[in-house]
Amino acid sequence: MGEVVGVGLFSHVPTIMLDQDIRFELNDGKEISLVPGFARLKSEVFDRLKPDAVIILDSHWATTVEFVVSSHERRKGFYTSDELPRGMSSLPYDFLGHPELAGRIADEVSAGGSWCSAIDNEHLPIHYPTINTWTYLGDGQRWVGISLTQTGEANDFRLLGEGIQRAVEAVEGRVVIIGSGGMSHRFHSLSTLRSHESSDPSHVHSPEARLADEARLQWMREGDHRRILEEMDGYKQFAPEGRFGHYLAMIAAVGGPECVATGELYSDYENSIGTGQVHVWFERPASGWVGA
């Protein structure tokens, strides 16, 4: 029987893939905290827990009529971003997939009342949330990517997460689930965004968006996932990335509103040209995801 040993809400912003001197130039001569944050996650969390598999909810993989799960035995190639080829160009990747887990996820999500397909086509595109995150954290684990349907609502992401939970329990191994995406997600305009490239959160698109993000980060620290879920309607006005589906599905896989896992920040809360970005790690509590 498999188990989820931890889940994480991780940023994947393109800036983390730029050379250090460029990052420093964009960020007032200092490092963005997301980069050392990933280094700490690798050494302090992934090297310690040694997960067999990683499930990544990829907020840039936007499907329409169903969730899609990558079910390849292996994914290998070079990635160039159509969004920012100047910063993410010909990045090599090579990692094992987990066809059994992917197929089980598709079956469980579909049986649970939603729509999901496992696809192993060799030409299936891959997206930079997966590539960037794997580049920092990949170390022999099997990786399974899952799309976030752009037509999905909170209940759809709940069904996805619950299906993931059942699938993990049915397959042997230790699993980490990553919700890859940002928080509030509005960009500054093209004519002004170069004045807002610093990671300082004063550059987040609006003071109200920053306050909304920071409130939810506090609730994450407290393990108050119920409040985050109950107040999703209010959060929508700040356009969380991917409808916040990466968080919603991730937390549904470990108990949803009953989850008591407290979040530990592995970066500062930062700006990325208007959007709110952060790494938050939730380890499985000793008492279980939903308490004693």
Protein backbone atom coordinates (compact mmCIF):
# COMPACT_ATOMS: atom_id res chain seq x y z
CA MET A 1 0.00 0.00 0.00
CA GLY A 2 1.41 3.37 -1.01
CA GLU A 3 1.54 6.52 1.07
CA VAL A 4 1.84 10.24 0.54
CA VAL A 5 4.81 11.34 2.63
CA GLY A 6 4.53 15.04 1.86
CA VAL A 7 3.03 17.66 -0.41
CA GLY A 8 4.32 21.00 -1.58
CA LEU A 9 3.07 24.23 -3.12
CA PHE A 10 6.11 25.23 -5.20
CA SER A 11 6.81 28.10 -7.54
CA HIS A 12 8.19 27.40 -11.02
CA VAL A 13 8.82 30.92 -12.34
CA PRO A 14 11.14 31.18 -15.38
CA THR A 15 13.55 33.39 -13.44
CA ILE A 16 14.88 30.38 -11.53
CA MET A 17 16.30 28.97 -14.78
CA LEU A 18 18.28 32.09 -15.68
CA ASP A 19 22.01 32.30 -15.03
CA GLN A 20 22.88 33.64 -11.60
CA ASP A 21 24.35 36.90 -12.91
CA ILE A 22 21.12 37.64 -14.75
CA ARG A 23 19.04 36.81 -11.68
CA PHE A 24 21.14 39.18 -9.62
CA GLU A 25 20.82 41.90 -12.25
CA LEU A 26 17.04 41.61 -12.26
CA ASN A 27 16.81 41.49 -8.47
CA ASP A 28 18.74 44.47 -7.18
CA GLY A 29 22.03 42.57 -6.98
CA LYS A 30 20.85 39.68 -4.84
CA GLU A 31 19.52 36.15 -5.23
CA ILE A 32 15.82 35.39 -5.43
CA SER A 33 14.98 33.17 -2.46
CA LEU A 34 13.22 30.57 -4.62
CA VAL A 35 16.58 29.24 -5.86
CA PRO A 36 18.21 28.50 -2.48
CA GLY A 37 14.76 27.39 -1.38
CA PHE A 38 14.80 24.61 -3.95
CA ALA A 39 18.33 23.66 -2.87
CA ARG A 40 17.13 23.35 0.71
CA LEU A 41 14.09 21.32 -0.34
CA LYS A 42 16.38 18.92 -2.16
CA SER A 43 18.86 18.48 0.70
CA GLU A 44 16.53 18.75 3.70
CA VAL A 45 13.38 17.09 2.38
CA PHE A 46 13.79 15.01 -0.77
CA ASP A 47 17.17 13.51 0.13
CA ARG A 48 15.78 12.60 3.55
CA LEU A 49 12.39 11.22 2.54
CA LYS A 50 13.62 9.53 -0.66
CA PRO A 51 10.23 9.33 -2.39
CA ASP A 52 9.77 6.63 -5.00
CA ALA A 53 7.47 8.80 -7.09
CA VAL A 54 6.55 12.44 -7.54
CA ILE A 55 3.15 13.55 -8.81
CA ILE A 56 3.24 17.09 -10.19
CA LEU A 57 0.08 19.09 -10.77
CA ASP A 58 1.27 21.29 -13.62
CA SER A 59 -0.58 24.60 -13.74
CA HIS A 60 0.72 25.39 -17.24
CA TRP A 61 -0.68 22.17 -18.70
CA ALA A 62 -4.18 23.44 -19.45
CA THR A 63 -6.58 20.86 -20.86
CA THR A 64 -10.24 21.48 -21.56
CA VAL A 65 -12.53 18.43 -21.50
CA GLU A 66 -10.70 16.21 -19.01
CA PHE A 67 -7.69 15.85 -16.76
CA VAL A 68 -4.74 14.14 -18.43
CA VAL A 69 -2.03 12.09 -16.73
CA SER A 70 1.34 11.35 -18.31
CA SER A 71 1.75 7.57 -18.30
CA HIS A 72 5.09 7.19 -20.06
CA GLU A 73 7.68 4.67 -18.96
CA ARG A 74 10.31 7.33 -19.58
CA ARG A 75 10.37 10.94 -20.77
CA LYS A 76 13.51 12.24 -22.41
CA GLY A 77 14.32 15.16 -24.66
CA PHE A 78 15.05 18.87 -24.78
CA TYR A 79 12.65 21.61 -23.79
CA THR A 80 12.39 25.11 -25.21
CA SER A 81 9.68 27.37 -23.88
CA ASP A 82 7.44 29.08 -26.41
CA GLU A 83 6.65 31.67 -23.73
CA LEU A 84 10.23 32.61 -22.87
CA PRO A 85 12.76 30.88 -25.16
CA ARG A 86 15.40 33.43 -24.18
CA GLY A 87 15.44 32.03 -20.66
CA MET A 88 14.42 28.40 -21.13
CA SER A 89 16.06 27.00 -24.23
CA SER A 90 17.08 23.42 -25.07
CA LEU A 91 16.90 22.30 -21.45
CA PRO A 92 17.66 18.56 -21.26
CA TYR A 93 15.38 16.26 -19.30
CA ASP A 94 15.42 12.53 -18.72
CA PHE A 95 13.32 10.83 -16.05
CA LEU A 96 11.29 7.70 -15.48
CA GLY A 97 7.52 7.80 -15.40
CA HIS A 98 5.15 5.52 -13.51
CA PRO A 99 2.63 3.94 -15.90
CA GLU A 100 0.95 1.88 -13.18
CA LEU A 101 0.33 4.86 -10.92
CA ALA A 102 -0.74 7.07 -13.84
CA GLY A 103 -3.24 4.50 -15.09
CA ARG A 104 -4.64 4.02 -11.61
CA ILE A 105 -5.07 7.79 -11.19
CA ALA A 106 -7.01 8.02 -14.45
CA ASP A 107 -9.21 5.10 -13.43
CA GLU A 108 -9.88 6.39 -9.92
CA VAL A 109 -10.64 9.97 -11.00
CA SER A 110 -13.01 8.76 -13.69
CA ALA A 111 -14.69 6.28 -11.33
CA GLY A 112 -15.05 9.04 -8.75
CA GLY A 113 -17.20 11.19 -11.01
CA SER A 114 -14.84 13.28 -13.14
CA TRP A 115 -13.03 12.74 -16.45
CA CYS A 116 -9.39 11.70 -16.74
CA SER A 117 -7.21 9.89 -19.29
CA ALA A 118 -3.72 8.41 -19.03
CA ILE A 119 -1.66 9.23 -22.13
CA ASP A 120 1.76 7.84 -23.06
CA ASN A 121 2.12 9.31 -26.56
CA GLU A 122 5.79 10.03 -27.21
CA HIS A 123 4.95 13.43 -28.73
CA LEU A 124 2.85 14.63 -25.80
CA PRO A 125 4.14 18.14 -24.95
CA ILE A 126 5.77 18.81 -21.61
CA HIS A 127 5.61 22.14 -19.78
CA TYR A 128 8.08 24.17 -17.81
CA PRO A 129 6.53 23.80 -14.34
CA THR A 130 7.50 20.13 -14.61
CA ILE A 131 10.88 20.76 -16.25
CA ASN A 132 11.95 23.52 -13.85
CA THR A 133 10.86 21.64 -10.74
CA TRP A 134 12.42 18.35 -11.87
CA THR A 135 15.68 20.16 -12.68
CA TYR A 136 16.03 21.19 -9.04
CA LEU A 137 14.48 18.18 -7.28
CA GLY A 138 14.76 15.22 -9.65
CA ASP A 139 17.04 12.44 -8.44
CA GLY A 140 15.92 9.08 -9.78
CA GLN A 141 12.29 9.26 -8.69
CA ARG A 142 9.47 8.36 -11.08
CA TRP A 143 7.59 11.49 -12.16
CA VAL A 144 3.93 11.67 -13.15
CA GLY A 145 2.52 14.91 -14.58
CA ILE A 146 -1.15 15.86 -14.35
CA SER A 147 -2.91 18.64 -16.24
CA LEU A 148 -5.27 21.18 -14.73
CA THR A 149 -8.36 21.52 -16.86
CA GLN A 150 -9.09 25.16 -17.62
CA THR A 151 -12.83 24.47 -17.30
CA GLY A 152 -12.40 23.01 -13.83
CA GLU A 153 -14.05 24.36 -10.71
CA ALA A 154 -13.28 23.68 -7.07
CA ASN A 155 -15.28 20.45 -6.99
CA ASP A 156 -13.51 19.11 -10.08
CA PHE A 157 -10.13 19.67 -8.45
CA ARG A 158 -11.43 17.98 -5.30
CA LEU A 159 -12.44 14.91 -7.31
CA LEU A 160 -9.01 14.88 -8.94
CA GLY A 161 -7.24 15.00 -5.59
CA GLU A 162 -9.42 12.31 -4.05
CA GLY A 163 -8.77 10.07 -7.05
CA ILE A 164 -5.03 10.63 -6.63
CA GLN A 165 -5.33 9.65 -2.98
CA ARG A 166 -7.03 6.35 -3.80
CA ALA A 167 -4.56 5.62 -6.57
CA VAL A 168 -1.54 6.17 -4.33
CA GLU A 169 -2.99 3.87 -1.70
CA ALA A 170 -3.39 1.13 -4.32
CA VAL A 171 0.20 1.25 -5.59
CA GLU A 172 3.32 0.46 -3.57
CA GLY A 173 5.72 3.25 -2.76
CA ARG A 174 6.34 6.58 -1.09
CA VAL A 175 4.89 9.52 -2.99
CA VAL A 176 5.28 13.30 -2.91
CA ILE A 177 2.61 15.48 -4.51
CA ILE A 178 3.63 18.89 -5.85
CA GLY A 179 1.20 21.64 -6.69
CA SER A 180 3.32 23.63 -9.12
CA GLY A 181 2.11 27.19 -9.49
CA GLY A 182 1.83 30.64 -8.06
CA MET A 183 -0.63 32.42 -5.81
CA SER A 184 -2.27 35.65 -7.04
CA HIS A 185 -1.47 35.81 -10.72
CA ARG A 186 -1.87 39.14 -12.45
CA PHE A 187 1.05 40.58 -14.41
CA HIS A 188 2.08 44.17 -14.80
CA SER A 189 1.63 45.52 -18.32
CA LEU A 190 4.40 45.07 -20.87
CA SER A 191 5.19 48.78 -20.81
CA THR A 192 5.74 48.77 -17.03
CA LEU A 193 6.76 45.25 -16.01
CA ARG A 194 10.51 45.90 -16.31
CA SER A 195 10.11 48.29 -13.42
CA HIS A 196 8.69 45.42 -11.34
CA GLU A 197 11.24 42.61 -11.85
CA SER A 198 12.56 42.75 -8.29
CA SER A 199 11.40 39.91 -6.05
CA ASP A 200 10.40 42.39 -3.34
CA PRO A 201 6.68 41.75 -2.62
CA SER A 202 5.99 45.47 -2.83
CA HIS A 203 5.92 44.82 -6.60
CA VAL A 204 3.02 42.33 -6.40
CA HIS A 205 0.25 43.57 -8.70
CA SER A 206 -1.81 45.22 -5.96
CA PRO A 207 -1.65 45.66 -2.19
CA GLU A 208 -4.95 43.78 -1.94
CA ALA A 209 -3.54 40.78 -3.82
CA ARG A 210 -0.51 40.73 -1.57
CA LEU A 211 -2.68 40.82 1.56
CA ALA A 212 -4.84 37.99 0.21
CA ASP A 213 -1.78 35.85 -0.51
CA GLU A 214 -0.22 36.57 2.87
CA ALA A 215 -3.44 35.69 4.69
CA ARG A 216 -3.51 32.29 2.98
CA LEU A 217 0.13 31.70 3.74
CA GLN A 218 -0.61 32.30 7.41
CA TRP A 219 -3.47 29.81 7.26
CA MET A 220 -1.14 27.31 5.61
CA ARG A 221 1.38 27.77 8.43
CA GLU A 222 -1.43 27.08 10.91
CA GLY A 223 -2.70 24.05 9.00
CA ASP A 224 -6.07 25.76 8.53
CA HIS A 225 -6.84 24.35 5.10
CA ARG A 226 -10.55 24.43 5.84
CA ARG A 227 -10.49 28.22 5.94
CA ILE A 228 -8.56 28.44 2.66
CA LEU A 229 -11.16 26.22 1.01
CA GLU A 230 -14.10 28.04 2.53
CA GLU A 231 -12.79 31.40 1.33
CA MET A 232 -11.89 30.39 -2.23
CA ASP A 233 -14.73 32.47 -3.70
CA GLY A 234 -13.18 35.60 -2.24
CA TYR A 235 -9.71 34.63 -3.45
CA LYS A 236 -10.86 34.29 -7.07
CA GLN A 237 -10.89 38.06 -7.52
CA PHE A 238 -7.07 37.95 -7.35
CA ALA A 239 -6.85 35.37 -10.17
CA PRO A 240 -4.80 32.67 -8.43
CA GLU A 241 -2.82 30.74 -11.02
CA GLY A 242 -4.70 27.88 -12.63
CA ARG A 243 -7.77 28.72 -10.54
CA PHE A 244 -5.58 27.50 -7.67
CA GLY A 245 -6.29 24.00 -8.93
CA HIS A 246 -2.76 22.87 -8.12
CA TYR A 247 -3.34 23.60 -4.43
CA LEU A 248 -6.97 22.42 -4.40
CA ALA A 249 -6.17 19.00 -5.89
CA MET A 250 -3.01 18.62 -3.82
CA ILE A 251 -4.77 19.27 -0.53
CA ALA A 252 -7.78 17.14 -1.49
CA ALA A 253 -5.38 14.22 -1.86
CA VAL A 254 -4.43 14.50 1.82
CA GLY A 255 -7.75 15.16 3.50
CA GLY A 256 -9.07 18.42 2.09
CA PRO A 257 -10.71 20.53 4.81
CA GLU A 258 -9.80 17.90 7.41
CA CYS A 259 -6.08 18.14 6.65
CA VAL A 260 -4.06 19.40 9.61
CA ALA A 261 -0.60 19.56 8.02
CA THR A 262 1.19 22.81 8.78
CA GLY A 263 3.17 24.58 6.10
CA GLU A 264 6.86 25.43 6.32
CA LEU A 265 8.09 28.16 4.00
CA TYR A 266 11.19 27.24 2.01
CA SER A 267 11.41 30.67 0.41
CA ASP A 268 10.28 34.18 1.05
CA TYR A 269 6.96 35.29 -0.34
CA GLU A 270 8.14 36.98 -3.53
CA ASN A 271 7.01 38.95 -6.54
CA SER A 272 7.44 37.84 -10.13
CA ILE A 273 6.38 40.73 -12.41
CA GLY A 274 3.19 41.15 -10.42
CA THR A 275 2.43 37.59 -9.31
CA GLY A 276 2.82 36.12 -5.83
CA GLN A 277 5.33 33.25 -5.56
CA VAL A 278 6.49 30.99 -2.73
CA HIS A 279 7.64 27.47 -1.80
CA VAL A 280 5.59 25.86 1.01
CA TRP A 281 6.22 22.31 2.23
CA PHE A 282 3.68 20.20 4.16
CA GLU A 283 5.09 17.03 5.67
CA ARG A 284 2.84 14.19 6.76
CA PRO A 285 2.07 14.82 10.45
CA ALA A 286 2.96 12.05 12.88
CA SER A 287 -0.76 11.73 13.70
CA GLY A 288 -1.73 11.45 10.03
CA TRP A 289 -2.91 13.97 7.48
CA VAL A 290 -6.27 14.48 9.21
CA GLY A 291 -5.09 14.22 12.80
CA ALA A 292 -5.51 11.57 15.45
